[in-house]
């Protein structure tokens, strides 16, 4: 039995769930298992060994999901364990302890499989609803979550500028420029900061059988501004076929419920670059640069083009 599956089985012993079947549903930074039980179907998230979020992130995730559900939004329910806790810390053998969380399973298909201009517009409306709710919550001070006032806000070492990383000089220049834009955003805030989903991409939205868009995986929740959250979604939409058309539809959908941020295009592009840099740094920190040459080269090329738009593309 592999270690992560062993951890999942141990975690389930802490819940009022008798699993009949356990199958891996997703694997990225975390691992997600589909749990079939007499009580229903659940999703068990097994956290990574390396903790990159603030200690209070899971509690904030649970509180926001509960708040959204109380206000009529369809979101996955987060189940507490026998002790009434939202997270369960377990370890297999001598492994590093991992934090697990149990959610109700959301039946449907990933938005990635149904990504069209109309569904991108609905994604925009979903983003607007989340931003409106976070604003209405009226939290004056950030809870114990990461504050997105730095490009590399996840709690991992800065590796992408190290001499052994290919294109480290490009990443360093891009990091400096993106951070300068971010500093200016926080010096002259467009509104009071509030909670953001932090990863509202098609991969983290489920389209149910009746067509409802359900946001999942609030683990990357951060404290910041609307435009930062929107830039994260824009990065994901641009990667999809027909990216520009999808981004336009996303923006129109958002603006139908909430004003699109009045941010200059150069700020949006700086925040797009910030998201790319954050992801690259996470990848090289967690997985190392070996066998990542093409990945690093592709992102370095895009960042070069952002740093100098007059530079001819390869």
C-alpha atoms as a PDB file:
ATOM      1  CA  UNK A   1       0.000   0.000   0.000  1.00  0.00           C
ATOM      2  CA  UNK A   2       1.379   3.425  -0.904  1.00  0.00           C
ATOM      3  CA  UNK A   3       2.011   5.904   1.878  1.00  0.00           C
ATOM      4  CA  UNK A   4      -0.583   8.505   0.871  1.00  0.00           C
ATOM      5  CA  UNK A   5      -3.345   5.894   0.633  1.00  0.00           C
ATOM      6  CA  UNK A   6      -2.336   4.592   4.053  1.00  0.00           C
ATOM      7  CA  UNK A   7      -2.649   8.116   5.437  1.00  0.00           C
ATOM      8  CA  UNK A   8      -6.080   8.493   3.829  1.00  0.00           C
ATOM      9  CA  UNK A   9      -7.361   5.280   5.417  1.00  0.00           C
ATOM     10  CA  UNK A  10      -6.026   6.311   8.795  1.00  0.00           C
ATOM     11  CA  UNK A  11      -7.638   9.751   8.505  1.00  0.00           C
ATOM     12  CA  UNK A  12     -11.038   8.228   7.707  1.00  0.00           C
ATOM     13  CA  UNK A  13     -10.987   6.376  11.039  1.00  0.00           C
ATOM     14  CA  UNK A  14     -11.464   9.779  12.659  1.00  0.00           C
ATOM     15  CA  UNK A  15     -14.793  10.422  10.909  1.00  0.00           C
ATOM     16  CA  UNK A  16     -18.291   8.999  11.083  1.00  0.00           C
ATOM     17  CA  UNK A  17     -17.694   7.353   7.733  1.00  0.00           C
ATOM     18  CA  UNK A  18     -17.399   3.654   6.920  1.00  0.00           C
ATOM     19  CA  UNK A  19     -15.613   3.592   3.549  1.00  0.00           C
ATOM     20  CA  UNK A  20     -16.595   0.901   1.085  1.00  0.00           C
ATOM     21  CA  UNK A  21     -14.259   2.113  -1.622  1.00  0.00           C
ATOM     22  CA  UNK A  22     -11.341   4.517  -1.753  1.00  0.00           C
ATOM     23  CA  UNK A  23      -9.980   5.705  -5.097  1.00  0.00           C
ATOM     24  CA  UNK A  24      -7.580   8.488  -5.961  1.00  0.00           C
ATOM     25  CA  UNK A  25      -9.442  11.254  -7.773  1.00  0.00           C
ATOM     26  CA  UNK A  26      -6.722  13.872  -8.215  1.00  0.00           C
ATOM     27  CA  UNK A  27      -3.065  14.447  -7.511  1.00  0.00           C
ATOM     28  CA  UNK A  28      -1.267  17.768  -7.734  1.00  0.00           C
ATOM     29  CA  UNK A  29       0.199  19.525  -4.717  1.00  0.00           C
ATOM     30  CA  UNK A  30      -2.309  17.620  -2.561  1.00  0.00           C
ATOM     31  CA  UNK A  31      -3.906  14.253  -3.159  1.00  0.00           C
ATOM     32  CA  UNK A  32      -7.693  13.881  -3.282  1.00  0.00           C
ATOM     33  CA  UNK A  33      -9.468  10.574  -2.768  1.00  0.00           C
ATOM     34  CA  UNK A  34     -13.045   9.730  -3.634  1.00  0.00           C
ATOM     35  CA  UNK A  35     -14.586   7.952  -0.665  1.00  0.00           C
ATOM     36  CA  UNK A  36     -17.673   5.824  -1.277  1.00  0.00           C
ATOM     37  CA  UNK A  37     -19.538   5.030   1.931  1.00  0.00           C
ATOM     38  CA  UNK A  38     -23.014   4.074   3.102  1.00  0.00           C
ATOM     39  CA  UNK A  39     -23.496   7.680   4.225  1.00  0.00           C
ATOM     40  CA  UNK A  40     -22.725   9.045   0.766  1.00  0.00           C
ATOM     41  CA  UNK A  41     -19.752   9.999  -1.363  1.00  0.00           C
ATOM     42  CA  UNK A  42     -17.012  12.223  -0.002  1.00  0.00           C
ATOM     43  CA  UNK A  43     -13.746  13.828  -1.083  1.00  0.00           C
ATOM     44  CA  UNK A  44     -10.807  13.387   1.262  1.00  0.00           C
ATOM     45  CA  UNK A  45      -8.012  15.893   0.726  1.00  0.00           C
ATOM     46  CA  UNK A  46      -4.635  14.685   1.960  1.00  0.00           C
ATOM     47  CA  UNK A  47      -2.312  17.643   2.356  1.00  0.00           C
ATOM     48  CA  UNK A  48       1.257  17.650   1.135  1.00  0.00           C
ATOM     49  CA  UNK A  49       4.182  17.075   3.446  1.00  0.00           C
ATOM     50  CA  UNK A  50       5.357  20.636   2.876  1.00  0.00           C
ATOM     51  CA  UNK A  51       3.001  23.174   4.412  1.00  0.00           C
ATOM     52  CA  UNK A  52       2.882  26.318   2.304  1.00  0.00           C
ATOM     53  CA  UNK A  53      -0.129  28.061   3.853  1.00  0.00           C
ATOM     54  CA  UNK A  54      -0.704  29.908   7.112  1.00  0.00           C
ATOM     55  CA  UNK A  55      -1.765  27.820  10.103  1.00  0.00           C
ATOM     56  CA  UNK A  56      -5.297  29.224  10.163  1.00  0.00           C
ATOM     57  CA  UNK A  57      -6.042  28.611   6.492  1.00  0.00           C
ATOM     58  CA  UNK A  58      -8.177  25.502   6.960  1.00  0.00           C
ATOM     59  CA  UNK A  59     -10.278  27.136   9.681  1.00  0.00           C
ATOM     60  CA  UNK A  60     -10.852  30.150   7.407  1.00  0.00           C
ATOM     61  CA  UNK A  61     -11.708  27.868   4.484  1.00  0.00           C
ATOM     62  CA  UNK A  62     -14.279  26.092   6.657  1.00  0.00           C
ATOM     63  CA  UNK A  63     -15.783  29.347   7.924  1.00  0.00           C
ATOM     64  CA  UNK A  64     -16.150  30.795   4.426  1.00  0.00           C
ATOM     65  CA  UNK A  65     -17.671  27.609   3.006  1.00  0.00           C
ATOM     66  CA  UNK A  66     -20.167  27.558   5.871  1.00  0.00           C
ATOM     67  CA  UNK A  67     -21.010  31.227   5.316  1.00  0.00           C
ATOM     68  CA  UNK A  68     -21.484  30.757   1.561  1.00  0.00           C
ATOM     69  CA  UNK A  69     -23.754  27.751   2.078  1.00  0.00           C
ATOM     70  CA  UNK A  70     -25.875  29.684   4.591  1.00  0.00           C
ATOM     71  CA  UNK A  71     -26.355  32.376   1.946  1.00  0.00           C
ATOM     72  CA  UNK A  72     -27.544  29.946  -0.694  1.00  0.00           C
ATOM     73  CA  UNK A  73     -24.410  29.281  -2.748  1.00  0.00           C
ATOM     74  CA  UNK A  74     -23.728  25.673  -3.685  1.00  0.00           C
ATOM     75  CA  UNK A  75     -20.342  24.736  -2.207  1.00  0.00           C
ATOM     76  CA  UNK A  76     -18.913  21.480  -0.846  1.00  0.00           C
ATOM     77  CA  UNK A  77     -19.687  20.867   2.824  1.00  0.00           C
ATOM     78  CA  UNK A  78     -16.613  20.397   5.016  1.00  0.00           C
ATOM     79  CA  UNK A  79     -17.163  17.626   7.554  1.00  0.00           C
ATOM     80  CA  UNK A  80     -15.767  17.677  11.071  1.00  0.00           C
ATOM     81  CA  UNK A  81     -14.117  14.641  12.660  1.00  0.00           C
ATOM     82  CA  UNK A  82     -15.141  12.859  15.849  1.00  0.00           C
ATOM     83  CA  UNK A  83     -13.449  15.597  17.887  1.00  0.00           C
ATOM     84  CA  UNK A  84     -15.370  18.351  16.100  1.00  0.00           C
ATOM     85  CA  UNK A  85     -12.276  19.551  14.233  1.00  0.00           C
ATOM     86  CA  UNK A  86     -12.210  20.552  10.551  1.00  0.00           C
ATOM     87  CA  UNK A  87      -8.789  18.994  10.000  1.00  0.00           C
ATOM     88  CA  UNK A  88      -7.255  15.681  10.957  1.00  0.00           C
ATOM     89  CA  UNK A  89      -3.484  15.367  11.285  1.00  0.00           C
ATOM     90  CA  UNK A  90      -2.157  11.872  10.633  1.00  0.00           C
ATOM     91  CA  UNK A  91       1.095  10.215   9.635  1.00  0.00           C
ATOM     92  CA  UNK A  92       1.998   6.837   8.182  1.00  0.00           C
ATOM     93  CA  UNK A  93       4.925   5.031   9.743  1.00  0.00           C
ATOM     94  CA  UNK A  94       7.726   7.580  10.141  1.00  0.00           C
ATOM     95  CA  UNK A  95       6.366   9.989   7.548  1.00  0.00           C
ATOM     96  CA  UNK A  96       5.837  13.709   8.067  1.00  0.00           C
ATOM     97  CA  UNK A  97       2.330  14.324   9.474  1.00  0.00           C
ATOM     98  CA  UNK A  98      -0.207  15.571   6.960  1.00  0.00           C
ATOM     99  CA  UNK A  99      -3.432  17.490   7.454  1.00  0.00           C
ATOM    100  CA  UNK A 100      -6.510  15.872   5.945  1.00  0.00           C
ATOM    101  CA  UNK A 101      -9.952  17.364   5.367  1.00  0.00           C
ATOM    102  CA  UNK A 102     -13.193  15.607   4.429  1.00  0.00           C
ATOM    103  CA  UNK A 103     -15.740  17.219   2.107  1.00  0.00           C
ATOM    104  CA  UNK A 104     -18.968  16.084   0.540  1.00  0.00           C
ATOM    105  CA  UNK A 105     -18.357  14.978  -3.027  1.00  0.00           C
ATOM    106  CA  UNK A 106     -19.602  17.345  -5.738  1.00  0.00           C
ATOM    107  CA  UNK A 107     -20.963  15.263  -8.591  1.00  0.00           C
ATOM    108  CA  UNK A 108     -20.376  16.598 -12.081  1.00  0.00           C
ATOM    109  CA  UNK A 109     -17.570  17.371 -14.502  1.00  0.00           C
ATOM    110  CA  UNK A 110     -14.661  19.761 -14.265  1.00  0.00           C
ATOM    111  CA  UNK A 111     -15.245  23.104 -15.957  1.00  0.00           C
ATOM    112  CA  UNK A 112     -12.063  22.357 -17.925  1.00  0.00           C
ATOM    113  CA  UNK A 113     -14.092  19.848 -19.937  1.00  0.00           C
ATOM    114  CA  UNK A 114     -16.898  22.332 -20.624  1.00  0.00           C
ATOM    115  CA  UNK A 115     -14.968  25.539 -21.126  1.00  0.00           C
ATOM    116  CA  UNK A 116     -16.716  27.749 -23.681  1.00  0.00           C
ATOM    117  CA  UNK A 117     -17.407  31.472 -23.879  1.00  0.00           C
ATOM    118  CA  UNK A 118     -20.806  31.027 -22.134  1.00  0.00           C
ATOM    119  CA  UNK A 119     -19.321  28.972 -19.290  1.00  0.00           C
ATOM    120  CA  UNK A 120     -16.415  31.412 -18.981  1.00  0.00           C
ATOM    121  CA  UNK A 121     -18.988  34.192 -18.563  1.00  0.00           C
ATOM    122  CA  UNK A 122     -20.660  32.165 -15.828  1.00  0.00           C
ATOM    123  CA  UNK A 123     -17.267  31.701 -14.205  1.00  0.00           C
ATOM    124  CA  UNK A 124     -16.971  35.492 -14.205  1.00  0.00           C
ATOM    125  CA  UNK A 125     -20.327  35.802 -12.449  1.00  0.00           C
ATOM    126  CA  UNK A 126     -19.195  33.208  -9.899  1.00  0.00           C
ATOM    127  CA  UNK A 127     -16.028  35.218  -9.203  1.00  0.00           C
ATOM    128  CA  UNK A 128     -18.135  38.350  -8.736  1.00  0.00           C
ATOM    129  CA  UNK A 129     -20.402  36.543  -6.258  1.00  0.00           C
ATOM    130  CA  UNK A 130     -17.418  35.353  -4.224  1.00  0.00           C
ATOM    131  CA  UNK A 131     -15.896  38.828  -4.149  1.00  0.00           C
ATOM    132  CA  UNK A 132     -19.194  40.409  -3.145  1.00  0.00           C
ATOM    133  CA  UNK A 133     -19.643  37.936  -0.293  1.00  0.00           C
ATOM    134  CA  UNK A 134     -16.093  38.441   0.980  1.00  0.00           C
ATOM    135  CA  UNK A 135     -16.611  42.204   0.868  1.00  0.00           C
ATOM    136  CA  UNK A 136     -19.968  41.945   2.658  1.00  0.00           C
ATOM    137  CA  UNK A 137     -18.398  39.793   5.361  1.00  0.00           C
ATOM    138  CA  UNK A 138     -16.706  42.985   6.517  1.00  0.00           C
ATOM    139  CA  UNK A 139     -13.617  41.480   8.097  1.00  0.00           C
ATOM    140  CA  UNK A 140     -11.452  44.422   9.137  1.00  0.00           C
ATOM    141  CA  UNK A 141      -8.257  42.490   9.771  1.00  0.00           C
ATOM    142  CA  UNK A 142      -7.093  39.415   7.857  1.00  0.00           C
ATOM    143  CA  UNK A 143      -7.691  36.084   9.563  1.00  0.00           C
ATOM    144  CA  UNK A 144      -4.722  33.751   9.841  1.00  0.00           C
ATOM    145  CA  UNK A 145      -4.215  33.392   6.098  1.00  0.00           C
ATOM    146  CA  UNK A 146      -1.489  34.545   3.748  1.00  0.00           C
ATOM    147  CA  UNK A 147      -1.510  38.181   2.688  1.00  0.00           C
ATOM    148  CA  UNK A 148      -0.930  38.614  -1.051  1.00  0.00           C
ATOM    149  CA  UNK A 149       1.318  41.654  -0.740  1.00  0.00           C
ATOM    150  CA  UNK A 150       4.296  39.740  -2.087  1.00  0.00           C
ATOM    151  CA  UNK A 151       4.692  37.984  -5.410  1.00  0.00           C
ATOM    152  CA  UNK A 152       5.965  34.822  -3.700  1.00  0.00           C
ATOM    153  CA  UNK A 153       3.537  34.663  -0.802  1.00  0.00           C
ATOM    154  CA  UNK A 154       3.452  30.882  -0.359  1.00  0.00           C
ATOM    155  CA  UNK A 155       5.681  29.693   2.457  1.00  0.00           C
ATOM    156  CA  UNK A 156       8.422  28.099   0.409  1.00  0.00           C
ATOM    157  CA  UNK A 157      12.009  29.214  -0.197  1.00  0.00           C
ATOM    158  CA  UNK A 158      12.765  31.465  -3.143  1.00  0.00           C
ATOM    159  CA  UNK A 159      14.405  29.087  -5.613  1.00  0.00           C
ATOM    160  CA  UNK A 160      13.604  30.434  -9.075  1.00  0.00           C
ATOM    161  CA  UNK A 161      16.369  33.078  -8.866  1.00  0.00           C
ATOM    162  CA  UNK A 162      19.065  30.660  -7.651  1.00  0.00           C
ATOM    163  CA  UNK A 163      22.098  30.300  -9.975  1.00  0.00           C
ATOM    164  CA  UNK A 164      21.387  26.612 -10.629  1.00  0.00           C
ATOM    165  CA  UNK A 165      17.914  27.343 -12.028  1.00  0.00           C
ATOM    166  CA  UNK A 166      17.821  27.803 -15.814  1.00  0.00           C
ATOM    167  CA  UNK A 167      16.799  31.347 -16.811  1.00  0.00           C
ATOM    168  CA  UNK A 168      17.207  32.542 -13.222  1.00  0.00           C
ATOM    169  CA  UNK A 169      18.205  35.986 -14.464  1.00  0.00           C
ATOM    170  CA  UNK A 170      14.938  36.369 -16.370  1.00  0.00           C
ATOM    171  CA  UNK A 171      12.964  35.235 -13.342  1.00  0.00           C
ATOM    172  CA  UNK A 172      14.862  37.680 -11.112  1.00  0.00           C
ATOM    173  CA  UNK A 173      14.144  40.641 -13.401  1.00  0.00           C
ATOM    174  CA  UNK A 174      10.493  39.683 -13.695  1.00  0.00           C
ATOM    175  CA  UNK A 175      10.211  39.206  -9.938  1.00  0.00           C
ATOM    176  CA  UNK A 176      11.566  42.699  -9.259  1.00  0.00           C
ATOM    177  CA  UNK A 177       9.210  44.315 -11.749  1.00  0.00           C
ATOM    178  CA  UNK A 178       6.138  42.397 -10.577  1.00  0.00           C
ATOM    179  CA  UNK A 179       6.900  43.171  -6.934  1.00  0.00           C
ATOM    180  CA  UNK A 180       7.203  46.882  -7.726  1.00  0.00           C
ATOM    181  CA  UNK A 181       3.719  46.818  -9.269  1.00  0.00           C
ATOM    182  CA  UNK A 182       2.378  44.910  -6.288  1.00  0.00           C
ATOM    183  CA  UNK A 183       3.933  47.388  -3.860  1.00  0.00           C
ATOM    184  CA  UNK A 184       2.194  50.226  -5.682  1.00  0.00           C
ATOM    185  CA  UNK A 185      -1.140  48.374  -5.567  1.00  0.00           C
ATOM    186  CA  UNK A 186      -0.917  48.006  -1.799  1.00  0.00           C
ATOM    187  CA  UNK A 187       0.253  51.621  -1.345  1.00  0.00           C
ATOM    188  CA  UNK A 188      -2.786  52.914  -3.244  1.00  0.00           C
ATOM    189  CA  UNK A 189      -5.444  50.239  -2.621  1.00  0.00           C
ATOM    190  CA  UNK A 190      -8.498  50.261  -4.906  1.00  0.00           C
ATOM    191  CA  UNK A 191     -10.716  49.083  -2.030  1.00  0.00           C
ATOM    192  CA  UNK A 192     -10.377  47.469   1.368  1.00  0.00           C
ATOM    193  CA  UNK A 193      -8.688  44.081   1.052  1.00  0.00           C
ATOM    194  CA  UNK A 194     -10.760  40.992   1.733  1.00  0.00           C
ATOM    195  CA  UNK A 195     -10.601  37.233   1.332  1.00  0.00           C
ATOM    196  CA  UNK A 196      -9.977  35.847  -2.153  1.00  0.00           C
ATOM    197  CA  UNK A 197     -10.410  32.284  -3.381  1.00  0.00           C
ATOM    198  CA  UNK A 198      -6.823  32.398  -4.616  1.00  0.00           C
ATOM    199  CA  UNK A 199      -7.181  29.658  -7.249  1.00  0.00           C
ATOM    200  CA  UNK A 200     -10.491  30.129  -9.050  1.00  0.00           C
ATOM    201  CA  UNK A 201      -9.524  28.312 -12.217  1.00  0.00           C
ATOM    202  CA  UNK A 202     -11.566  25.921 -14.384  1.00  0.00           C
ATOM    203  CA  UNK A 203      -9.821  23.040 -12.604  1.00  0.00           C
ATOM    204  CA  UNK A 204     -11.398  24.169  -9.332  1.00  0.00           C
ATOM    205  CA  UNK A 205     -14.966  24.524 -10.569  1.00  0.00           C
ATOM    206  CA  UNK A 206     -17.370  21.621 -11.019  1.00  0.00           C
ATOM    207  CA  UNK A 207     -20.307  21.781 -13.432  1.00  0.00           C
ATOM    208  CA  UNK A 208     -23.105  19.722 -11.905  1.00  0.00           C
ATOM    209  CA  UNK A 209     -25.681  17.783 -13.898  1.00  0.00           C
ATOM    210  CA  UNK A 210     -28.138  20.690 -13.679  1.00  0.00           C
ATOM    211  CA  UNK A 211     -25.479  23.119 -14.923  1.00  0.00           C
ATOM    212  CA  UNK A 212     -24.623  24.765 -11.591  1.00  0.00           C
ATOM    213  CA  UNK A 213     -21.029  25.975 -11.253  1.00  0.00           C
ATOM    214  CA  UNK A 214     -19.628  24.897  -7.888  1.00  0.00           C
ATOM    215  CA  UNK A 215     -16.334  26.341  -6.651  1.00  0.00           C
ATOM    216  CA  UNK A 216     -14.097  23.873  -4.829  1.00  0.00           C
ATOM    217  CA  UNK A 217     -10.660  23.857  -3.192  1.00  0.00           C
ATOM    218  CA  UNK A 218     -10.530  27.077  -1.182  1.00  0.00           C
ATOM    219  CA  UNK A 219      -7.185  26.021   0.330  1.00  0.00           C
ATOM    220  CA  UNK A 220      -5.294  28.839  -1.411  1.00  0.00           C
ATOM    221  CA  UNK A 221      -7.514  31.501   0.179  1.00  0.00           C
ATOM    222  CA  UNK A 222      -5.565  34.739   0.654  1.00  0.00           C
ATOM    223  CA  UNK A 223      -6.113  38.338   1.705  1.00  0.00           C
ATOM    224  CA  UNK A 224      -5.952  40.846  -1.122  1.00  0.00           C
ATOM    225  CA  UNK A 225      -7.782  42.725  -3.849  1.00  0.00           C
ATOM    226  CA  UNK A 226     -10.279  41.675  -6.515  1.00  0.00           C
ATOM    227  CA  UNK A 227      -7.866  42.305  -9.386  1.00  0.00           C
ATOM    228  CA  UNK A 228      -5.340  39.867  -7.929  1.00  0.00           C
ATOM    229  CA  UNK A 229      -7.885  37.050  -7.870  1.00  0.00           C
ATOM    230  CA  UNK A 230      -9.024  37.868 -11.397  1.00  0.00           C
ATOM    231  CA  UNK A 231      -5.450  37.764 -12.693  1.00  0.00           C
ATOM    232  CA  UNK A 232      -5.140  34.191 -11.388  1.00  0.00           C
ATOM    233  CA  UNK A 233      -8.183  33.147 -13.397  1.00  0.00           C
ATOM    234  CA  UNK A 234      -6.942  35.019 -16.467  1.00  0.00           C
ATOM    235  CA  UNK A 235      -3.677  33.042 -16.413  1.00  0.00           C
ATOM    236  CA  UNK A 236      -5.638  29.782 -16.513  1.00  0.00           C
ATOM    237  CA  UNK A 237      -8.050  30.932 -19.237  1.00  0.00           C
ATOM    238  CA  UNK A 238      -5.248  32.167 -21.489  1.00  0.00           C
ATOM    239  CA  UNK A 239      -3.751  28.658 -21.497  1.00  0.00           C
ATOM    240  CA  UNK A 240      -6.947  27.164 -22.909  1.00  0.00           C
ATOM    241  CA  UNK A 241      -7.818  27.065 -26.626  1.00  0.00           C
ATOM    242  CA  UNK A 242      -9.443  30.342 -27.577  1.00  0.00           C
ATOM    243  CA  UNK A 243      -7.947  32.019 -24.527  1.00  0.00           C
ATOM    244  CA  UNK A 244      -8.541  35.679 -25.497  1.00  0.00           C
ATOM    245  CA  UNK A 245     -12.198  34.983 -26.247  1.00  0.00           C
ATOM    246  CA  UNK A 246     -12.608  33.180 -22.919  1.00  0.00           C
ATOM    247  CA  UNK A 247     -10.994  36.043 -20.996  1.00  0.00           C
ATOM    248  CA  UNK A 248     -13.312  38.544 -22.669  1.00  0.00           C
ATOM    249  CA  UNK A 249     -16.368  36.431 -21.801  1.00  0.00           C
ATOM    250  CA  UNK A 250     -15.108  36.011 -18.226  1.00  0.00           C
ATOM    251  CA  UNK A 251     -14.738  39.779 -17.897  1.00  0.00           C
ATOM    252  CA  UNK A 252     -18.218  40.407 -19.324  1.00  0.00           C
ATOM    253  CA  UNK A 253     -19.743  37.896 -16.929  1.00  0.00           C
ATOM    254  CA  UNK A 254     -18.019  39.462 -13.947  1.00  0.00           C
ATOM    255  CA  UNK A 255     -19.046  42.984 -14.994  1.00  0.00           C
ATOM    256  CA  UNK A 256     -22.691  41.908 -15.241  1.00  0.00           C
ATOM    257  CA  UNK A 257     -22.764  41.570 -11.435  1.00  0.00           C
ATOM    258  CA  UNK A 258     -19.876  43.664 -10.146  1.00  0.00           C
ATOM    259  CA  UNK A 259     -17.754  46.424 -11.666  1.00  0.00           C
ATOM    260  CA  UNK A 260     -14.582  45.107 -13.265  1.00  0.00           C
ATOM    261  CA  UNK A 261     -11.605  46.663 -11.419  1.00  0.00           C
ATOM    262  CA  UNK A 262     -10.536  49.979 -12.897  1.00  0.00           C
ATOM    263  CA  UNK A 263      -6.928  48.852 -12.996  1.00  0.00           C
ATOM    264  CA  UNK A 264      -4.564  49.852 -15.801  1.00  0.00           C
ATOM    265  CA  UNK A 265      -3.724  47.009 -18.198  1.00  0.00           C
ATOM    266  CA  UNK A 266      -0.057  47.119 -17.166  1.00  0.00           C
ATOM    267  CA  UNK A 267      -1.043  46.308 -13.562  1.00  0.00           C
ATOM    268  CA  UNK A 268      -3.151  43.356 -14.691  1.00  0.00           C
ATOM    269  CA  UNK A 269      -0.233  42.050 -16.759  1.00  0.00           C
ATOM    270  CA  UNK A 270       2.110  42.473 -13.779  1.00  0.00           C
ATOM    271  CA  UNK A 271      -0.278  40.431 -11.633  1.00  0.00           C
ATOM    272  CA  UNK A 272      -0.474  37.794 -14.358  1.00  0.00           C
ATOM    273  CA  UNK A 273       3.326  37.633 -14.291  1.00  0.00           C
ATOM    274  CA  UNK A 274       3.231  37.428 -10.482  1.00  0.00           C
ATOM    275  CA  UNK A 275       0.992  34.356 -10.678  1.00  0.00           C
ATOM    276  CA  UNK A 276       3.324  32.695 -13.176  1.00  0.00           C
ATOM    277  CA  UNK A 277       6.349  33.427 -10.989  1.00  0.00           C
ATOM    278  CA  UNK A 278       4.612  32.039  -7.924  1.00  0.00           C
ATOM    279  CA  UNK A 279       3.758  28.802  -9.687  1.00  0.00           C
ATOM    280  CA  UNK A 280       7.251  28.414 -11.171  1.00  0.00           C
ATOM    281  CA  UNK A 281       8.854  28.954  -7.775  1.00  0.00           C
ATOM    282  CA  UNK A 282       6.547  26.391  -6.184  1.00  0.00           C
ATOM    283  CA  UNK A 283       7.325  23.816  -8.867  1.00  0.00           C
ATOM    284  CA  UNK A 284      11.113  24.174  -8.674  1.00  0.00           C
ATOM    285  CA  UNK A 285      11.034  24.227  -4.871  1.00  0.00           C
ATOM    286  CA  UNK A 286       8.858  21.155  -4.449  1.00  0.00           C
ATOM    287  CA  UNK A 287       9.991  19.101  -7.457  1.00  0.00           C
ATOM    288  CA  UNK A 288      13.390  20.563  -8.337  1.00  0.00           C
ATOM    289  CA  UNK A 289      14.560  21.844 -11.736  1.00  0.00           C
ATOM    290  CA  UNK A 290      15.535  18.432 -13.122  1.00  0.00           C
ATOM    291  CA  UNK A 291      13.477  17.451 -16.178  1.00  0.00           C
ATOM    292  CA  UNK A 292      11.756  20.857 -16.079  1.00  0.00           C
ATOM    293  CA  UNK A 293      13.786  22.459 -18.860  1.00  0.00           C
ATOM    294  CA  UNK A 294      10.934  22.884 -21.341  1.00  0.00           C
ATOM    295  CA  UNK A 295       8.602  24.146 -18.608  1.00  0.00           C
ATOM    296  CA  UNK A 296      11.106  26.750 -17.430  1.00  0.00           C
ATOM    297  CA  UNK A 297      12.033  27.792 -20.966  1.00  0.00           C
ATOM    298  CA  UNK A 298       8.393  28.358 -21.946  1.00  0.00           C
ATOM    299  CA  UNK A 299       7.677  30.525 -18.911  1.00  0.00           C
ATOM    300  CA  UNK A 300      10.956  32.408 -19.262  1.00  0.00           C
ATOM    301  CA  UNK A 301      10.050  33.247 -22.864  1.00  0.00           C
ATOM    302  CA  UNK A 302       6.654  34.608 -21.868  1.00  0.00           C
ATOM    303  CA  UNK A 303       8.200  36.667 -19.087  1.00  0.00           C
ATOM    304  CA  UNK A 304      10.859  38.051 -21.457  1.00  0.00           C
ATOM    305  CA  UNK A 305       8.067  39.180 -23.757  1.00  0.00           C
ATOM    306  CA  UNK A 306       6.324  40.876 -20.823  1.00  0.00           C
ATOM    307  CA  UNK A 307       9.543  42.579 -19.714  1.00  0.00           C
ATOM    308  CA  UNK A 308      10.228  43.807 -23.251  1.00  0.00           C
ATOM    309  CA  UNK A 309       7.169  43.685 -25.547  1.00  0.00           C
ATOM    310  CA  UNK A 310       9.333  44.855 -28.454  1.00  0.00           C
ATOM    311  CA  UNK A 311      11.416  41.702 -28.186  1.00  0.00           C
ATOM    312  CA  UNK A 312      10.694  39.347 -31.108  1.00  0.00           C
ATOM    313  CA  UNK A 313       9.009  36.109 -30.094  1.00  0.00           C
ATOM    314  CA  UNK A 314      10.840  32.865 -30.666  1.00  0.00           C
END
